[in-house]
Amino acid sequence: MPSVTIRNIPDEVHRAIRLRAAQHGHSTEAELRDILEQAAKPEGRVKLGSFLVSIAREKGGLTDEEHAIFESVRDKSQARAASFE
């Protein structure tokens, strides 16, 4: 699992996180993981796929003909790994 080092945290912020961790019965590290997860993946977020499906349903979805068109142009080859060289 990846790790992150955060430098130069103000003393008052560090104290507040330690206090918050103690209130939740967590270590400071566990509390920071929770804070980061909540920030990166908030409960009310709308996932793109779900959003697009809801739009399609509101509009009546695809007809069989439209679906066939998408299937005929869909790239069915295996995806290649990205190369950064």
C-alpha atoms as a PDB file:
ATOM      1  CA  MET A   1       0.000   0.000   0.000  1.00  0.00           C
ATOM      2  CA  PRO A   2       1.403   3.458  -0.849  1.00  0.00           C
ATOM      3  CA  SER A   3       2.470   5.845   1.874  1.00  0.00           C
ATOM      4  CA  VAL A   4       2.649   9.635   1.966  1.00  0.00           C
ATOM      5  CA  THR A   5       4.842  11.942   4.019  1.00  0.00           C
ATOM      6  CA  ILE A   6       3.482  15.387   4.803  1.00  0.00           C
ATOM      7  CA  ARG A   7       5.976  17.965   6.001  1.00  0.00           C
ATOM      8  CA  ASN A   8       5.614  21.343   7.691  1.00  0.00           C
ATOM      9  CA  ILE A   9       2.213  20.824   9.286  1.00  0.00           C
ATOM     10  CA  PRO A  10       1.529  23.751  11.622  1.00  0.00           C
ATOM     11  CA  ASP A  11       1.665  22.777  15.302  1.00  0.00           C
ATOM     12  CA  GLU A  12      -1.941  23.842  15.917  1.00  0.00           C
ATOM     13  CA  VAL A  13      -3.166  21.660  13.031  1.00  0.00           C
ATOM     14  CA  HIS A  14      -1.204  18.674  14.315  1.00  0.00           C
ATOM     15  CA  ARG A  15      -2.620  19.162  17.829  1.00  0.00           C
ATOM     16  CA  ALA A  16      -6.154  19.421  16.445  1.00  0.00           C
ATOM     17  CA  ILE A  17      -5.720  16.171  14.492  1.00  0.00           C
ATOM     18  CA  ARG A  18      -4.297  14.394  17.551  1.00  0.00           C
ATOM     19  CA  LEU A  19      -7.275  15.613  19.618  1.00  0.00           C
ATOM     20  CA  ARG A  20      -9.744  14.535  16.934  1.00  0.00           C
ATOM     21  CA  ALA A  21      -8.057  11.114  16.781  1.00  0.00           C
ATOM     22  CA  ALA A  22      -8.335  10.713  20.546  1.00  0.00           C
ATOM     23  CA  GLN A  23     -12.023  11.652  20.440  1.00  0.00           C
ATOM     24  CA  HIS A  24     -12.627   8.947  17.815  1.00  0.00           C
ATOM     25  CA  GLY A  25     -10.436   6.395  19.593  1.00  0.00           C
ATOM     26  CA  HIS A  26      -7.973   6.314  16.681  1.00  0.00           C
ATOM     27  CA  SER A  27      -4.282   6.802  16.290  1.00  0.00           C
ATOM     28  CA  THR A  28      -3.238  10.016  14.576  1.00  0.00           C
ATOM     29  CA  GLU A  29      -2.289   8.007  11.502  1.00  0.00           C
ATOM     30  CA  ALA A  30      -5.680   6.246  11.357  1.00  0.00           C
ATOM     31  CA  GLU A  31      -7.463   9.581  11.784  1.00  0.00           C
ATOM     32  CA  LEU A  32      -5.497  11.080   8.909  1.00  0.00           C
ATOM     33  CA  ARG A  33      -6.415   8.092   6.709  1.00  0.00           C
ATOM     34  CA  ASP A  34     -10.091   8.665   7.532  1.00  0.00           C
ATOM     35  CA  ILE A  35      -9.818  12.396   6.796  1.00  0.00           C
ATOM     36  CA  LEU A  36      -8.119  11.745   3.452  1.00  0.00           C
ATOM     37  CA  GLU A  37     -10.646   9.080   2.457  1.00  0.00           C
ATOM     38  CA  GLN A  38     -13.593  11.343   3.286  1.00  0.00           C
ATOM     39  CA  ALA A  39     -12.027  14.185   1.299  1.00  0.00           C
ATOM     40  CA  ALA A  40     -11.245  12.013  -1.720  1.00  0.00           C
ATOM     41  CA  LYS A  41     -14.474   9.999  -1.700  1.00  0.00           C
ATOM     42  CA  PRO A  42     -17.282  12.042  -0.124  1.00  0.00           C
ATOM     43  CA  GLU A  43     -20.528  10.187   0.616  1.00  0.00           C
ATOM     44  CA  GLY A  44     -22.713  12.399  -1.577  1.00  0.00           C
ATOM     45  CA  ARG A  45     -20.545  12.183  -4.676  1.00  0.00           C
ATOM     46  CA  VAL A  46     -22.133  11.099  -7.924  1.00  0.00           C
ATOM     47  CA  LYS A  47     -20.166   8.512  -9.841  1.00  0.00           C
ATOM     48  CA  LEU A  48     -19.851   9.296 -13.544  1.00  0.00           C
ATOM     49  CA  GLY A  49     -21.151   5.927 -14.720  1.00  0.00           C
ATOM     50  CA  SER A  50     -24.224   6.137 -12.503  1.00  0.00           C
ATOM     51  CA  PHE A  51     -24.860   9.692 -13.643  1.00  0.00           C
ATOM     52  CA  LEU A  52     -24.677   8.742 -17.329  1.00  0.00           C
ATOM     53  CA  VAL A  53     -26.984   5.748 -16.796  1.00  0.00           C
ATOM     54  CA  SER A  54     -29.539   7.998 -15.063  1.00  0.00           C
ATOM     55  CA  ILE A  55     -29.479  10.413 -18.009  1.00  0.00           C
ATOM     56  CA  ALA A  56     -29.972   7.558 -20.470  1.00  0.00           C
ATOM     57  CA  ARG A  57     -32.893   6.185 -18.447  1.00  0.00           C
ATOM     58  CA  GLU A  58     -34.553   9.602 -18.323  1.00  0.00           C
ATOM     59  CA  LYS A  59     -34.292   9.834 -22.109  1.00  0.00           C
ATOM     60  CA  GLY A  60     -35.694   6.349 -22.669  1.00  0.00           C
ATOM     61  CA  GLY A  61     -32.398   4.507 -23.186  1.00  0.00           C
ATOM     62  CA  LEU A  62     -31.017   3.270 -26.490  1.00  0.00           C
ATOM     63  CA  THR A  63     -33.078   1.679 -29.206  1.00  0.00           C
ATOM     64  CA  ASP A  64     -31.958  -1.731 -30.482  1.00  0.00           C
ATOM     65  CA  GLU A  65     -30.656  -0.020 -33.624  1.00  0.00           C
ATOM     66  CA  GLU A  66     -28.588   2.503 -31.623  1.00  0.00           C
ATOM     67  CA  HIS A  67     -27.206  -0.295 -29.459  1.00  0.00           C
ATOM     68  CA  ALA A  68     -26.212  -2.260 -32.570  1.00  0.00           C
ATOM     69  CA  ILE A  69     -24.383   0.785 -33.946  1.00  0.00           C
ATOM     70  CA  PHE A  70     -22.351   1.159 -30.754  1.00  0.00           C
ATOM     71  CA  GLU A  71     -21.547  -2.549 -30.719  1.00  0.00           C
ATOM     72  CA  SER A  72     -20.402  -2.467 -34.339  1.00  0.00           C
ATOM     73  CA  VAL A  73     -17.876   0.332 -33.718  1.00  0.00           C
ATOM     74  CA  ARG A  74     -16.726  -0.755 -30.267  1.00  0.00           C
ATOM     75  CA  ASP A  75     -13.033  -1.662 -30.102  1.00  0.00           C
ATOM     76  CA  LYS A  76     -12.986  -5.261 -28.913  1.00  0.00           C
ATOM     77  CA  SER A  77      -9.201  -5.638 -28.862  1.00  0.00           C
ATOM     78  CA  GLN A  78      -7.437  -6.179 -25.568  1.00  0.00           C
ATOM     79  CA  ALA A  79      -6.272  -2.970 -23.920  1.00  0.00           C
ATOM     80  CA  ARG A  80      -2.528  -2.299 -23.836  1.00  0.00           C
ATOM     81  CA  ALA A  81      -0.686  -1.175 -20.741  1.00  0.00           C
ATOM     82  CA  ALA A  82       0.324   2.478 -20.769  1.00  0.00           C
ATOM     83  CA  SER A  83       3.948   3.235 -21.545  1.00  0.00           C
ATOM     84  CA  PHE A  84       5.590   6.306 -20.084  1.00  0.00           C
ATOM     85  CA  GLU A  85       8.891   6.006 -21.928  1.00  0.00           C
END
